Amino acid sequence: MNSTFIANFIGKASPATIKQLAAITHENDGKWLISKVNFIEDQVAGVIKIQLPTANESTVKDAFSSHNDLTVQFIDSDHSVHNQDTIFQLRLDSNDRAGIVNEITHVLDNQGINILDMDCQRVFIAGGGGVSSSLFTAKIALKLPVEVQISDVANELETLSEDTRVILES
């Protein structure tokens, strides 16, 4: 029998720490179904959905919890994997402005859309004549409710500003 849970963690770590946790999961016949790990300097924030034999669950959880510089929380999860046919990948491009991430998440949340992953980047563009600006790009993986159409989502996101463009990537 398999167990599926989500490990959430924050604190001080290195890429070697994450590699060690992945190795321990693998050594215990587990796999990371979905993972998102972000570093800023030596600080890390991560969310990992793990599936493994129930008999090995405590060993892997102990490995995560044993790192004194990490605060770890475990949540039981549904073991089902998302149906690939209902997951959409979007890229949103816009001039950067304060609150843009909040605007995007507000639009999606109001439609009951599940954000599976959101990776945001800001790129500074220096122009001639002293003009400069920032470009905002977000790659977003979404799971839509049955009654919501991806084209409607893209159109609503594009109404956030006249320079917002949404590209369906899959």
Protein backbone atom coordinates (compact mmCIF):
# COMPACT_ATOMS: atom_id res chain seq x y z
CA MET A 1 0.00 0.00 0.00
CA ASN A 2 1.22 3.49 -0.87
CA SER A 3 1.09 6.75 1.05
CA THR A 4 0.95 10.15 -0.57
CA PHE A 5 1.69 13.35 1.31
CA ILE A 6 2.95 16.87 0.76
CA ALA A 7 6.08 18.12 2.49
CA ASN A 8 6.21 21.91 2.95
CA PHE A 9 9.47 23.39 4.21
CA ILE A 10 11.27 26.69 4.72
CA GLY A 11 14.61 27.62 6.20
CA LYS A 12 18.32 27.50 5.57
CA ALA A 13 19.54 24.84 3.15
CA SER A 14 21.68 24.19 0.10
CA PRO A 15 21.01 22.35 -3.15
CA ALA A 16 22.97 19.47 -1.58
CA THR A 17 20.33 19.27 1.17
CA ILE A 18 17.56 18.90 -1.42
CA LYS A 19 19.61 16.30 -3.32
CA GLN A 20 20.05 14.33 -0.09
CA LEU A 21 16.29 14.40 0.61
CA ALA A 22 15.57 13.24 -2.93
CA ALA A 23 18.07 10.38 -2.54
CA ILE A 24 16.52 9.25 0.75
CA THR A 25 13.07 9.31 -0.87
CA HIS A 26 14.38 7.23 -3.80
CA GLU A 27 16.20 4.77 -1.48
CA ASN A 28 12.86 4.16 0.23
CA ASP A 29 11.08 3.36 -3.07
CA GLY A 30 9.43 6.77 -3.17
CA LYS A 31 9.07 9.40 -5.85
CA TRP A 32 8.44 13.12 -6.00
CA LEU A 33 5.24 13.49 -8.02
CA ILE A 34 5.32 17.29 -8.06
CA SER A 35 8.01 19.53 -6.63
CA LYS A 36 8.67 23.24 -6.40
CA VAL A 37 11.82 24.34 -4.60
CA ASN A 38 13.06 27.93 -4.65
CA PHE A 39 16.28 29.37 -3.28
CA ILE A 40 17.14 32.94 -2.42
CA GLU A 41 20.75 33.03 -1.21
CA ASP A 42 20.93 30.23 1.40
CA GLN A 43 17.19 30.30 2.19
CA VAL A 44 14.84 27.74 0.68
CA ALA A 45 11.09 27.30 0.37
CA GLY A 46 9.73 24.06 -0.99
CA VAL A 47 6.56 22.08 -1.60
CA ILE A 48 6.92 18.45 -2.65
CA LYS A 49 4.20 15.84 -3.26
CA ILE A 50 5.68 12.47 -2.35
CA GLN A 51 4.38 8.95 -2.98
CA LEU A 52 5.99 5.88 -1.39
CA PRO A 53 5.20 2.58 0.32
CA THR A 54 3.40 3.20 3.62
CA ALA A 55 6.04 1.17 5.47
CA ASN A 56 8.72 3.72 4.46
CA GLU A 57 6.73 6.89 5.19
CA SER A 58 8.14 7.56 8.67
CA THR A 59 11.74 7.10 7.46
CA VAL A 60 11.34 9.77 4.77
CA LYS A 61 9.40 12.14 7.02
CA ASP A 62 12.10 11.75 9.69
CA ALA A 63 14.76 12.62 7.09
CA PHE A 64 12.97 15.88 6.25
CA SER A 65 12.33 16.72 9.91
CA SER A 66 15.88 15.97 11.04
CA HIS A 67 17.30 19.11 9.39
CA ASN A 68 17.50 21.59 12.27
CA ASP A 69 17.56 24.62 9.96
CA LEU A 70 14.32 23.63 8.20
CA THR A 71 10.77 24.08 9.42
CA VAL A 72 8.79 21.18 7.92
CA GLN A 73 5.07 20.43 7.76
CA PHE A 74 3.42 17.31 6.31
CA ILE A 75 -0.09 17.17 4.86
CA ASP A 76 -1.83 13.97 3.71
CA SER A 77 -2.73 14.12 0.03
CA ASP A 78 -4.83 12.40 -2.56
CA HIS A 79 -2.61 9.95 -4.44
CA SER A 80 -4.27 10.58 -7.79
CA VAL A 81 -2.23 12.31 -10.46
CA HIS A 82 -3.85 15.14 -12.38
CA ASN A 83 -5.33 14.21 -15.72
CA GLN A 84 -2.95 15.74 -18.28
CA ASP A 85 -5.89 16.54 -20.58
CA THR A 86 -7.25 19.09 -18.09
CA ILE A 87 -3.96 20.84 -17.26
CA PHE A 88 -3.15 23.93 -19.28
CA GLN A 89 0.15 25.82 -19.60
CA LEU A 90 -0.06 29.56 -20.13
CA ARG A 91 2.53 32.27 -20.56
CA LEU A 92 1.49 35.77 -19.59
CA ASP A 93 3.61 38.75 -20.71
CA SER A 94 3.04 42.32 -19.60
CA ASN A 95 4.79 45.51 -18.62
CA ASP A 96 5.73 45.09 -14.97
CA ARG A 97 3.76 46.98 -12.36
CA ALA A 98 3.06 46.79 -8.66
CA GLY A 99 0.41 44.21 -7.75
CA ILE A 100 0.42 42.27 -11.02
CA VAL A 101 0.77 38.85 -9.33
CA ASN A 102 -2.13 39.72 -7.03
CA GLU A 103 -4.26 40.73 -10.03
CA ILE A 104 -3.51 37.45 -11.83
CA THR A 105 -4.23 35.23 -8.83
CA HIS A 106 -7.42 37.18 -8.09
CA VAL A 107 -8.77 36.54 -11.62
CA LEU A 108 -7.93 32.84 -11.41
CA ASP A 109 -9.24 32.39 -7.87
CA ASN A 110 -12.57 34.04 -8.74
CA GLN A 111 -13.16 31.31 -11.35
CA GLY A 112 -12.22 28.43 -9.03
CA ILE A 113 -9.08 27.69 -11.06
CA ASN A 114 -6.40 25.61 -9.37
CA ILE A 115 -2.89 27.03 -9.88
CA LEU A 116 -0.54 24.03 -10.03
CA ASP A 117 2.60 26.06 -10.69
CA MET A 118 3.41 29.71 -11.29
CA ASP A 119 6.90 30.87 -12.19
CA CYS A 120 7.29 34.66 -12.46
CA GLN A 121 10.22 36.58 -13.91
CA ARG A 122 10.94 40.29 -14.20
CA VAL A 123 13.41 41.49 -16.80
CA PHE A 124 14.80 45.04 -16.78
CA ILE A 125 15.02 46.56 -20.25
CA ALA A 126 17.25 49.60 -20.75
CA GLY A 127 16.27 51.64 -23.76
CA GLY A 128 17.87 54.46 -25.64
CA GLY A 129 17.34 58.06 -24.57
CA GLY A 130 17.21 57.17 -20.88
CA VAL A 131 13.94 55.24 -21.21
CA SER A 132 13.84 51.98 -19.27
CA SER A 133 11.16 49.55 -18.17
CA SER A 134 10.60 46.06 -16.80
CA LEU A 135 8.89 43.16 -18.54
CA PHE A 136 6.89 40.71 -16.42
CA THR A 137 6.50 37.11 -17.57
CA ALA A 138 4.64 34.35 -15.78
CA LYS A 139 4.48 30.69 -16.78
CA ILE A 140 1.41 29.18 -15.18
CA ALA A 141 0.13 25.60 -15.02
CA LEU A 142 -3.63 25.53 -14.40
CA LYS A 143 -6.30 22.95 -13.74
CA LEU A 144 -9.70 24.28 -14.75
CA PRO A 145 -13.15 23.44 -13.41
CA VAL A 146 -15.21 21.53 -15.99
CA GLU A 147 -17.41 24.53 -16.81
CA VAL A 148 -14.50 26.94 -17.48
CA GLN A 149 -12.97 27.28 -20.96
CA ILE A 150 -9.26 28.08 -21.34
CA SER A 151 -9.99 30.68 -24.03
CA ASP A 152 -12.23 32.58 -21.59
CA VAL A 153 -9.47 32.51 -18.96
CA ALA A 154 -6.90 33.85 -21.45
CA ASN A 155 -9.28 36.62 -22.57
CA GLU A 156 -10.02 37.70 -19.00
CA LEU A 157 -6.32 37.78 -18.09
CA GLU A 158 -5.66 39.96 -21.15
CA THR A 159 -8.15 42.52 -19.83
CA LEU A 160 -5.83 43.24 -16.88
CA SER A 161 -4.08 45.85 -19.04
CA GLU A 162 -3.83 46.79 -22.70
CA ASP A 163 -0.26 45.43 -22.88
CA THR A 164 -1.04 42.02 -21.32
CA ARG A 165 -0.70 39.06 -23.69
CA VAL A 166 -1.55 35.45 -22.89
CA ILE A 167 -0.16 32.56 -24.92
CA LEU A 168 -1.51 29.03 -24.55
CA GLU A 169 1.57 26.79 -24.53
CA SER A 170 -0.13 23.38 -24.46
